[in-house]
């Protein structure tokens, strides 16, 4: 929960890396494995709201980190690169 809003956090441990994501029904933030360029180009018709933070190793770090990049649809609702992950999620409610 962030400010009373519910989100789902998922950690997937893989060999030599860990995938992290926090989401709700509107969008998500994710670790550096997220390909924002792909979402903005090949999958543009899906209008995905998402942001990417790099160098994070835990969900707590993902929530506290500034987003390195965001999709065009995320920008449309006021989410910007540099915004802290938890603040970006609250714009998705």
PDB file of N, CA and C in Angstrom:
ATOM      1  N   UNK A   1       0.845  -1.182   0.000  1.00  0.00           N
ATOM      2  CA  UNK A   1       0.000   0.000   0.000  1.00  0.00           C
ATOM      3  C   UNK A   1       0.896   1.253   0.000  1.00  0.00           C
ATOM      4  N   UNK A   2       0.471   2.204  -0.803  1.00  0.00           N
ATOM      5  CA  UNK A   2       1.128   3.505  -0.840  1.00  0.00           C
ATOM      6  C   UNK A   2       0.031   4.543  -0.665  1.00  0.00           C
ATOM      7  N   UNK A   3       0.096   5.298   0.433  1.00  0.00           N
ATOM      8  CA  UNK A   3      -0.937   6.304   0.733  1.00  0.00           C
ATOM      9  C   UNK A   3      -2.345   5.730   0.612  1.00  0.00           C
ATOM     10  N   UNK A   4      -2.535   4.511   1.085  1.00  0.00           N
ATOM     11  CA  UNK A   4      -3.849   3.873   1.067  1.00  0.00           C
ATOM     12  C   UNK A   4      -4.233   3.225  -0.249  1.00  0.00           C
ATOM     13  N   UNK A   5      -3.392   3.335  -1.258  1.00  0.00           N
ATOM     14  CA  UNK A   5      -3.663   2.729  -2.573  1.00  0.00           C
ATOM     15  C   UNK A   5      -2.952   1.377  -2.654  1.00  0.00           C
ATOM     16  N   UNK A   6      -3.653   0.379  -3.191  1.00  0.00           N
ATOM     17  CA  UNK A   6      -3.106  -0.970  -3.258  1.00  0.00           C
ATOM     18  C   UNK A   6      -2.369  -1.225  -4.570  1.00  0.00           C
ATOM     19  N   UNK A   7      -1.191  -1.840  -4.452  1.00  0.00           N
ATOM     20  CA  UNK A   7      -0.369  -2.225  -5.588  1.00  0.00           C
ATOM     21  C   UNK A   7       0.125  -3.640  -5.366  1.00  0.00           C
ATOM     22  N   UNK A   8       0.514  -4.302  -6.440  1.00  0.00           N
ATOM     23  CA  UNK A   8       1.079  -5.636  -6.341  1.00  0.00           C
ATOM     24  C   UNK A   8       2.571  -5.562  -6.657  1.00  0.00           C
ATOM     25  N   UNK A   9       3.389  -6.072  -5.752  1.00  0.00           N
ATOM     26  CA  UNK A   9       4.838  -6.113  -5.949  1.00  0.00           C
ATOM     27  C   UNK A   9       5.253  -7.547  -6.246  1.00  0.00           C
ATOM     28  N   UNK A  10       6.106  -7.707  -7.252  1.00  0.00           N
ATOM     29  CA  UNK A  10       6.582  -9.038  -7.636  1.00  0.00           C
ATOM     30  C   UNK A  10       8.097  -9.005  -7.774  1.00  0.00           C
ATOM     31  N   UNK A  11       8.742  -9.982  -7.177  1.00  0.00           N
ATOM     32  CA  UNK A  11      10.175 -10.187  -7.302  1.00  0.00           C
ATOM     33  C   UNK A  11      10.393 -11.554  -7.922  1.00  0.00           C
ATOM     34  N   UNK A  12      11.147 -11.598  -9.020  1.00  0.00           N
ATOM     35  CA  UNK A  12      11.460 -12.865  -9.684  1.00  0.00           C
ATOM     36  C   UNK A  12      12.971 -13.025  -9.669  1.00  0.00           C
ATOM     37  N   UNK A  13      13.450 -14.013  -8.920  1.00  0.00           N
ATOM     38  CA  UNK A  13      14.889 -14.264  -8.841  1.00  0.00           C
ATOM     39  C   UNK A  13      15.285 -15.180  -9.992  1.00  0.00           C
ATOM     40  N   UNK A  14      16.192 -14.700 -10.824  1.00  0.00           N
ATOM     41  CA  UNK A  14      16.704 -15.442 -11.964  1.00  0.00           C
ATOM     42  C   UNK A  14      18.212 -15.589 -11.808  1.00  0.00           C
ATOM     43  N   UNK A  15      18.833 -16.489 -12.564  1.00  0.00           N
ATOM     44  CA  UNK A  15      20.288 -16.577 -12.491  1.00  0.00           C
ATOM     45  C   UNK A  15      20.928 -15.231 -12.847  1.00  0.00           C
ATOM     46  N   UNK A  16      21.742 -14.727 -11.955  1.00  0.00           N
ATOM     47  CA  UNK A  16      22.527 -13.510 -12.149  1.00  0.00           C
ATOM     48  C   UNK A  16      21.722 -12.220 -12.236  1.00  0.00           C
ATOM     49  N   UNK A  17      20.419 -12.255 -11.986  1.00  0.00           N
ATOM     50  CA  UNK A  17      19.623 -11.024 -11.977  1.00  0.00           C
ATOM     51  C   UNK A  17      18.321 -11.257 -11.208  1.00  0.00           C
ATOM     52  N   UNK A  18      17.663 -10.179 -10.868  1.00  0.00           N
ATOM     53  CA  UNK A  18      16.352 -10.231 -10.227  1.00  0.00           C
ATOM     54  C   UNK A  18      15.449  -9.237 -10.934  1.00  0.00           C
ATOM     55  N   UNK A  19      14.274  -9.693 -11.335  1.00  0.00           N
ATOM     56  CA  UNK A  19      13.290  -8.802 -11.950  1.00  0.00           C
ATOM     57  C   UNK A  19      12.373  -8.266 -10.858  1.00  0.00           C
ATOM     58  N   UNK A  20      12.109  -6.961 -10.893  1.00  0.00           N
ATOM     59  CA  UNK A  20      11.259  -6.302  -9.904  1.00  0.00           C
ATOM     60  C   UNK A  20      10.180  -5.517 -10.618  1.00  0.00           C
ATOM     61  N   UNK A  21       8.947  -5.608 -10.124  1.00  0.00           N
ATOM     62  CA  UNK A  21       7.871  -4.794 -10.671  1.00  0.00           C
ATOM     63  C   UNK A  21       6.844  -4.490  -9.584  1.00  0.00           C
ATOM     64  N   UNK A  22       6.248  -3.315  -9.683  1.00  0.00           N
ATOM     65  CA  UNK A  22       5.136  -2.918  -8.813  1.00  0.00           C
ATOM     66  C   UNK A  22       4.061  -2.392  -9.746  1.00  0.00           C
ATOM     67  N   UNK A  23       2.821  -2.894  -9.594  1.00  0.00           N
ATOM     68  CA  UNK A  23       1.774  -2.555 -10.551  1.00  0.00           C
ATOM     69  C   UNK A  23       0.405  -2.422  -9.900  1.00  0.00           C
ATOM     70  N   UNK A  24      -0.502  -1.859 -10.684  1.00  0.00           N
ATOM     71  CA  UNK A  24      -1.934  -1.881 -10.391  1.00  0.00           C
ATOM     72  C   UNK A  24      -2.638  -2.106 -11.725  1.00  0.00           C
ATOM     73  N   UNK A  25      -3.936  -1.893 -11.782  1.00  0.00           N
ATOM     74  CA  UNK A  25      -4.682  -2.139 -13.024  1.00  0.00           C
ATOM     75  C   UNK A  25      -4.388  -1.110 -14.117  1.00  0.00           C
ATOM     76  N   UNK A  26      -3.727  -0.012 -13.776  1.00  0.00           N
ATOM     77  CA  UNK A  26      -3.454   1.054 -14.737  1.00  0.00           C
ATOM     78  C   UNK A  26      -2.088   0.933 -15.378  1.00  0.00           C
ATOM     79  N   UNK A  27      -1.062   0.632 -14.566  1.00  0.00           N
ATOM     80  CA  UNK A  27       0.289   0.597 -15.096  1.00  0.00           C
ATOM     81  C   UNK A  27       1.270  -0.001 -14.117  1.00  0.00           C
ATOM     82  N   UNK A  28       2.561   0.224 -14.378  1.00  0.00           N
ATOM     83  CA  UNK A  28       3.583  -0.374 -13.532  1.00  0.00           C
ATOM     84  C   UNK A  28       4.914   0.356 -13.637  1.00  0.00           C
ATOM     85  N   UNK A  29       5.747   0.111 -12.619  1.00  0.00           N
ATOM     86  CA  UNK A  29       7.143   0.491 -12.669  1.00  0.00           C
ATOM     87  C   UNK A  29       7.936  -0.799 -12.567  1.00  0.00           C
ATOM     88  N   UNK A  30       9.147  -0.782 -13.134  1.00  0.00           N
ATOM     89  CA  UNK A  30       9.936  -2.000 -13.188  1.00  0.00           C
ATOM     90  C   UNK A  30      11.415  -1.656 -13.129  1.00  0.00           C
ATOM     91  N   UNK A  31      12.213  -2.664 -12.869  1.00  0.00           N
ATOM     92  CA  UNK A  31      13.664  -2.509 -12.844  1.00  0.00           C
ATOM     93  C   UNK A  31      14.193  -2.264 -14.256  1.00  0.00           C
ATOM     94  N   UNK A  32      15.495  -2.200 -14.392  1.00  0.00           N
ATOM     95  CA  UNK A  32      16.144  -1.887 -15.652  1.00  0.00           C
ATOM     96  C   UNK A  32      15.880  -2.849 -16.794  1.00  0.00           C
ATOM     97  N   UNK A  33      15.275  -4.000 -16.526  1.00  0.00           N
ATOM     98  CA  UNK A  33      14.974  -4.962 -17.591  1.00  0.00           C
ATOM     99  C   UNK A  33      13.864  -4.473 -18.522  1.00  0.00           C
ATOM    100  N   UNK A  34      13.124  -3.461 -18.107  1.00  0.00           N
ATOM    101  CA  UNK A  34      12.026  -2.940 -18.926  1.00  0.00           C
ATOM    102  C   UNK A  34      12.565  -2.199 -20.142  1.00  0.00           C
ATOM    103  N   UNK A  35      12.040  -2.510 -21.310  1.00  0.00           N
ATOM    104  CA  UNK A  35      12.449  -1.865 -22.559  1.00  0.00           C
ATOM    105  C   UNK A  35      11.410  -0.810 -22.943  1.00  0.00           C
ATOM    106  N   UNK A  36      11.597   0.402 -22.452  1.00  0.00           N
ATOM    107  CA  UNK A  36      10.652   1.491 -22.700  1.00  0.00           C
ATOM    108  C   UNK A  36      10.563   1.800 -24.195  1.00  0.00           C
ATOM    109  N   UNK A  37      11.678   1.738 -24.892  1.00  0.00           N
ATOM    110  CA  UNK A  37      11.680   1.987 -26.334  1.00  0.00           C
ATOM    111  C   UNK A  37      10.768   1.030 -27.077  1.00  0.00           C
ATOM    112  N   UNK A  38      10.793  -0.230 -26.711  1.00  0.00           N
ATOM    113  CA  UNK A  38       9.919  -1.232 -27.328  1.00  0.00           C
ATOM    114  C   UNK A  38       8.451  -0.915 -27.051  1.00  0.00           C
ATOM    115  N   UNK A  39       8.155  -0.535 -25.814  1.00  0.00           N
ATOM    116  CA  UNK A  39       6.768  -0.208 -25.467  1.00  0.00           C
ATOM    117  C   UNK A  39       6.276   1.000 -26.255  1.00  0.00           C
ATOM    118  N   UNK A  40       7.161   1.977 -26.480  1.00  0.00           N
ATOM    119  CA  UNK A  40       6.784   3.195 -27.205  1.00  0.00           C
ATOM    120  C   UNK A  40       6.704   2.990 -28.714  1.00  0.00           C
ATOM    121  N   UNK A  41       7.354   1.975 -29.237  1.00  0.00           N
ATOM    122  CA  UNK A  41       7.369   1.788 -30.692  1.00  0.00           C
ATOM    123  C   UNK A  41       6.557   0.568 -31.109  1.00  0.00           C
ATOM    124  N   UNK A  42       7.086  -0.600 -30.917  1.00  0.00           N
ATOM    125  CA  UNK A  42       6.432  -1.824 -31.386  1.00  0.00           C
ATOM    126  C   UNK A  42       5.072  -2.050 -30.718  1.00  0.00           C
ATOM    127  N   UNK A  43       4.972  -1.707 -29.443  1.00  0.00           N
ATOM    128  CA  UNK A  43       3.725  -1.940 -28.704  1.00  0.00           C
ATOM    129  C   UNK A  43       2.945  -0.647 -28.439  1.00  0.00           C
ATOM    130  N   UNK A  44       3.201   0.392 -29.215  1.00  0.00           N
ATOM    131  CA  UNK A  44       2.566   1.699 -28.992  1.00  0.00           C
ATOM    132  C   UNK A  44       1.048   1.624 -28.988  1.00  0.00           C
ATOM    133  N   UNK A  45       0.480   0.755 -29.810  1.00  0.00           N
ATOM    134  CA  UNK A  45      -0.975   0.645 -29.889  1.00  0.00           C
ATOM    135  C   UNK A  45      -1.597   0.161 -28.582  1.00  0.00           C
ATOM    136  N   UNK A  46      -0.813  -0.420 -27.695  1.00  0.00           N
ATOM    137  CA  UNK A  46      -1.323  -0.909 -26.401  1.00  0.00           C
ATOM    138  C   UNK A  46      -1.424   0.200 -25.356  1.00  0.00           C
ATOM    139  N   UNK A  47      -0.780   1.336 -25.609  1.00  0.00           N
ATOM    140  CA  UNK A  47      -0.827   2.495 -24.712  1.00  0.00           C
ATOM    141  C   UNK A  47      -0.466   2.134 -23.268  1.00  0.00           C
ATOM    142  N   UNK A  48       0.679   1.500 -23.119  1.00  0.00           N
ATOM    143  CA  UNK A  48       1.133   1.013 -21.815  1.00  0.00           C
ATOM    144  C   UNK A  48       1.697   2.160 -20.983  1.00  0.00           C
ATOM    145  N   UNK A  49       1.240   2.230 -19.746  1.00  0.00           N
ATOM    146  CA  UNK A  49       1.725   3.215 -18.781  1.00  0.00           C
ATOM    147  C   UNK A  49       2.759   2.516 -17.912  1.00  0.00           C
ATOM    148  N   UNK A  50       4.029   2.923 -18.058  1.00  0.00           N
ATOM    149  CA  UNK A  50       5.096   2.234 -17.329  1.00  0.00           C
ATOM    150  C   UNK A  50       6.307   3.140 -17.160  1.00  0.00           C
ATOM    151  N   UNK A  51       7.119   2.800 -16.160  1.00  0.00           N
ATOM    152  CA  UNK A  51       8.361   3.506 -15.916  1.00  0.00           C
ATOM    153  C   UNK A  51       9.459   2.536 -15.542  1.00  0.00           C
ATOM    154  N   UNK A  52      10.696   2.949 -15.779  1.00  0.00           N
ATOM    155  CA  UNK A  52      11.868   2.098 -15.567  1.00  0.00           C
ATOM    156  C   UNK A  52      12.854   2.781 -14.630  1.00  0.00           C
ATOM    157  N   UNK A  53      13.283   2.043 -13.603  1.00  0.00           N
ATOM    158  CA  UNK A  53      14.337   2.510 -12.709  1.00  0.00           C
ATOM    159  C   UNK A  53      15.523   1.560 -12.843  1.00  0.00           C
ATOM    160  N   UNK A  54      16.720   2.097 -12.872  1.00  0.00           N
ATOM    161  CA  UNK A  54      17.914   1.269 -13.035  1.00  0.00           C
ATOM    162  C   UNK A  54      18.715   1.222 -11.741  1.00  0.00           C
ATOM    163  N   UNK A  55      19.468   0.125 -11.575  1.00  0.00           N
ATOM    164  CA  UNK A  55      20.339  -0.015 -10.413  1.00  0.00           C
ATOM    165  C   UNK A  55      19.629  -0.403  -9.133  1.00  0.00           C
ATOM    166  N   UNK A  56      18.396  -0.870  -9.225  1.00  0.00           N
ATOM    167  CA  UNK A  56      17.649  -1.253  -8.028  1.00  0.00           C
ATOM    168  C   UNK A  56      17.728  -2.765  -7.831  1.00  0.00           C
ATOM    169  N   UNK A  57      17.746  -3.177  -6.577  1.00  0.00           N
ATOM    170  CA  UNK A  57      17.871  -4.599  -6.268  1.00  0.00           C
ATOM    171  C   UNK A  57      16.752  -5.117  -5.372  1.00  0.00           C
ATOM    172  N   UNK A  58      15.896  -4.204  -4.870  1.00  0.00           N
ATOM    173  CA  UNK A  58      14.782  -4.590  -4.006  1.00  0.00           C
ATOM    174  C   UNK A  58      13.554  -3.762  -4.376  1.00  0.00           C
ATOM    175  N   UNK A  59      12.409  -4.227  -3.940  1.00  0.00           N
ATOM    176  CA  UNK A  59      11.168  -3.470  -4.167  1.00  0.00           C
ATOM    177  C   UNK A  59      11.262  -2.110  -3.488  1.00  0.00           C
ATOM    178  N   UNK A  60      11.828  -2.065  -2.295  1.00  0.00           N
ATOM    179  CA  UNK A  60      11.954  -0.799  -1.573  1.00  0.00           C
ATOM    180  C   UNK A  60      12.797   0.200  -2.365  1.00  0.00           C
ATOM    181  N   UNK A  61      13.877  -0.281  -2.965  1.00  0.00           N
ATOM    182  CA  UNK A  61      14.710   0.590  -3.791  1.00  0.00           C
ATOM    183  C   UNK A  61      13.958   1.046  -5.035  1.00  0.00           C
ATOM    184  N   UNK A  62      13.184   0.150  -5.636  1.00  0.00           N
ATOM    185  CA  UNK A  62      12.389   0.505  -6.815  1.00  0.00           C
ATOM    186  C   UNK A  62      11.405   1.621  -6.488  1.00  0.00           C
ATOM    187  N   UNK A  63      10.766   1.541  -5.344  1.00  0.00           N
ATOM    188  CA  UNK A  63       9.804   2.571  -4.940  1.00  0.00           C
ATOM    189  C   UNK A  63      10.471   3.912  -4.666  1.00  0.00           C
ATOM    190  N   UNK A  64      11.719   3.883  -4.188  1.00  0.00           N
ATOM    191  CA  UNK A  64      12.420   5.113  -3.804  1.00  0.00           C
ATOM    192  C   UNK A  64      13.258   5.714  -4.923  1.00  0.00           C
ATOM    193  N   UNK A  65      13.528   4.945  -5.965  1.00  0.00           N
ATOM    194  CA  UNK A  65      14.436   5.393  -7.025  1.00  0.00           C
ATOM    195  C   UNK A  65      13.757   6.344  -8.004  1.00  0.00           C
ATOM    196  N   UNK A  66      14.533   7.275  -8.545  1.00  0.00           N
ATOM    197  CA  UNK A  66      13.994   8.093  -9.637  1.00  0.00           C
ATOM    198  C   UNK A  66      13.888   7.236 -10.898  1.00  0.00           C
ATOM    199  N   UNK A  67      12.824   7.440 -11.645  1.00  0.00           N
ATOM    200  CA  UNK A  67      12.638   6.692 -12.887  1.00  0.00           C
ATOM    201  C   UNK A  67      13.602   7.223 -13.940  1.00  0.00           C
ATOM    202  N   UNK A  68      14.286   6.332 -14.598  1.00  0.00           N
ATOM    203  CA  UNK A  68      15.253   6.685 -15.626  1.00  0.00           C
ATOM    204  C   UNK A  68      14.550   7.011 -16.938  1.00  0.00           C
ATOM    205  N   UNK A  69      13.455   6.307 -17.209  1.00  0.00           N
ATOM    206  CA  UNK A  69      12.668   6.556 -18.424  1.00  0.00           C
ATOM    207  C   UNK A  69      11.229   6.116 -18.192  1.00  0.00           C
ATOM    208  N   UNK A  70      10.327   6.704 -18.967  1.00  0.00           N
ATOM    209  CA  UNK A  70       8.899   6.369 -18.865  1.00  0.00           C
ATOM    210  C   UNK A  70       8.310   6.295 -20.271  1.00  0.00           C
ATOM    211  N   UNK A  71       7.193   5.607 -20.399  1.00  0.00           N
ATOM    212  CA  UNK A  71       6.538   5.514 -21.701  1.00  0.00           C
ATOM    213  C   UNK A  71       5.831   6.821 -22.040  1.00  0.00           C
ATOM    214  N   UNK A  72       5.523   6.963 -23.314  1.00  0.00           N
ATOM    215  CA  UNK A  72       4.782   8.144 -23.765  1.00  0.00           C
ATOM    216  C   UNK A  72       3.422   8.236 -23.089  1.00  0.00           C
ATOM    217  N   UNK A  73       2.781   7.101 -22.870  1.00  0.00           N
ATOM    218  CA  UNK A  73       1.476   7.094 -22.187  1.00  0.00           C
ATOM    219  C   UNK A  73       1.617   7.512 -20.733  1.00  0.00           C
ATOM    220  N   UNK A  74       2.719   7.149 -20.087  1.00  0.00           N
ATOM    221  CA  UNK A  74       2.966   7.595 -18.714  1.00  0.00           C
ATOM    222  C   UNK A  74       3.138   9.115 -18.687  1.00  0.00           C
ATOM    223  N   UNK A  75       3.879   9.646 -19.647  1.00  0.00           N
ATOM    224  CA  UNK A  75       4.048  11.103 -19.731  1.00  0.00           C
ATOM    225  C   UNK A  75       2.707  11.793 -19.910  1.00  0.00           C
ATOM    226  N   UNK A  76       1.825  11.181 -20.671  1.00  0.00           N
ATOM    227  CA  UNK A  76       0.506  11.761 -20.937  1.00  0.00           C
ATOM    228  C   UNK A  76      -0.292  11.991 -19.649  1.00  0.00           C
ATOM    229  N   UNK A  77      -0.068  11.136 -18.628  1.00  0.00           N
ATOM    230  CA  UNK A  77      -0.809  11.302 -17.371  1.00  0.00           C
ATOM    231  C   UNK A  77       0.025  12.015 -16.296  1.00  0.00           C
ATOM    232  N   UNK A  78       1.165  12.588 -16.696  1.00  0.00           N
ATOM    233  CA  UNK A  78       1.941  13.411 -15.767  1.00  0.00           C
ATOM    234  C   UNK A  78       3.129  12.736 -15.112  1.00  0.00           C
ATOM    235  N   UNK A  79       3.463  11.529 -15.530  1.00  0.00           N
ATOM    236  CA  UNK A  79       4.641  10.841 -14.986  1.00  0.00           C
ATOM    237  C   UNK A  79       5.841  11.241 -15.828  1.00  0.00           C
ATOM    238  N   UNK A  80       6.919  11.629 -15.174  1.00  0.00           N
ATOM    239  CA  UNK A  80       8.117  12.108 -15.869  1.00  0.00           C
ATOM    240  C   UNK A  80       9.350  11.331 -15.429  1.00  0.00           C
ATOM    241  N   UNK A  81      10.337  11.231 -16.307  1.00  0.00           N
ATOM    242  CA  UNK A  81      11.636  10.691 -15.923  1.00  0.00           C
ATOM    243  C   UNK A  81      12.165  11.550 -14.784  1.00  0.00           C
ATOM    244  N   UNK A  82      12.794  10.911 -13.802  1.00  0.00           N
ATOM    245  CA  UNK A  82      13.294  11.613 -12.623  1.00  0.00           C
ATOM    246  C   UNK A  82      12.340  11.553 -11.448  1.00  0.00           C
ATOM    247  N   UNK A  83      11.072  11.258 -11.708  1.00  0.00           N
ATOM    248  CA  UNK A  83      10.069  11.136 -10.646  1.00  0.00           C
ATOM    249  C   UNK A  83      10.349   9.863  -9.842  1.00  0.00           C
ATOM    250  N   UNK A  84      10.194   9.927  -8.544  1.00  0.00           N
ATOM    251  CA  UNK A  84      10.387   8.768  -7.674  1.00  0.00           C
ATOM    252  C   UNK A  84       9.307   7.726  -7.976  1.00  0.00           C
ATOM    253  N   UNK A  85       9.689   6.445  -7.948  1.00  0.00           N
ATOM    254  CA  UNK A  85       8.786   5.360  -8.288  1.00  0.00           C
ATOM    255  C   UNK A  85       7.444   5.392  -7.574  1.00  0.00           C
ATOM    256  N   UNK A  86       7.440   5.602  -6.274  1.00  0.00           N
ATOM    257  CA  UNK A  86       6.172   5.608  -5.533  1.00  0.00           C
ATOM    258  C   UNK A  86       5.278   6.774  -5.963  1.00  0.00           C
ATOM    259  N   UNK A  87       5.859   7.913  -6.282  1.00  0.00           N
ATOM    260  CA  UNK A  87       5.069   9.054  -6.749  1.00  0.00           C
ATOM    261  C   UNK A  87       4.461   8.760  -8.115  1.00  0.00           C
ATOM    262  N   UNK A  88       5.220   8.094  -8.969  1.00  0.00           N
ATOM    263  CA  UNK A  88       4.710   7.722 -10.284  1.00  0.00           C
ATOM    264  C   UNK A  88       3.533   6.762 -10.139  1.00  0.00           C
ATOM    265  N   UNK A  89       3.651   5.803  -9.246  1.00  0.00           N
ATOM    266  CA  UNK A  89       2.559   4.846  -9.024  1.00  0.00           C
ATOM    267  C   UNK A  89       1.288   5.555  -8.564  1.00  0.00           C
ATOM    268  N   UNK A  90       1.433   6.538  -7.707  1.00  0.00           N
ATOM    269  CA  UNK A  90       0.246   7.251  -7.221  1.00  0.00           C
ATOM    270  C   UNK A  90      -0.452   8.009  -8.351  1.00  0.00           C
ATOM    271  N   UNK A  91       0.274   8.392  -9.397  1.00  0.00           N
ATOM    272  CA  UNK A  91      -0.361   9.039 -10.559  1.00  0.00           C
ATOM    273  C   UNK A  91      -1.140   8.019 -11.389  1.00  0.00           C
ATOM    274  N   UNK A  92      -0.918   6.737 -11.131  1.00  0.00           N
ATOM    275  CA  UNK A  92      -1.616   5.689 -11.872  1.00  0.00           C
ATOM    276  C   UNK A  92      -2.915   5.270 -11.197  1.00  0.00           C
ATOM    277  N   UNK A  93      -3.306   5.950 -10.151  1.00  0.00           N
ATOM    278  CA  UNK A  93      -4.532   5.561  -9.442  1.00  0.00           C
ATOM    279  C   UNK A  93      -5.718   6.377  -9.928  1.00  0.00           C
TER     280      UNK A  93
END
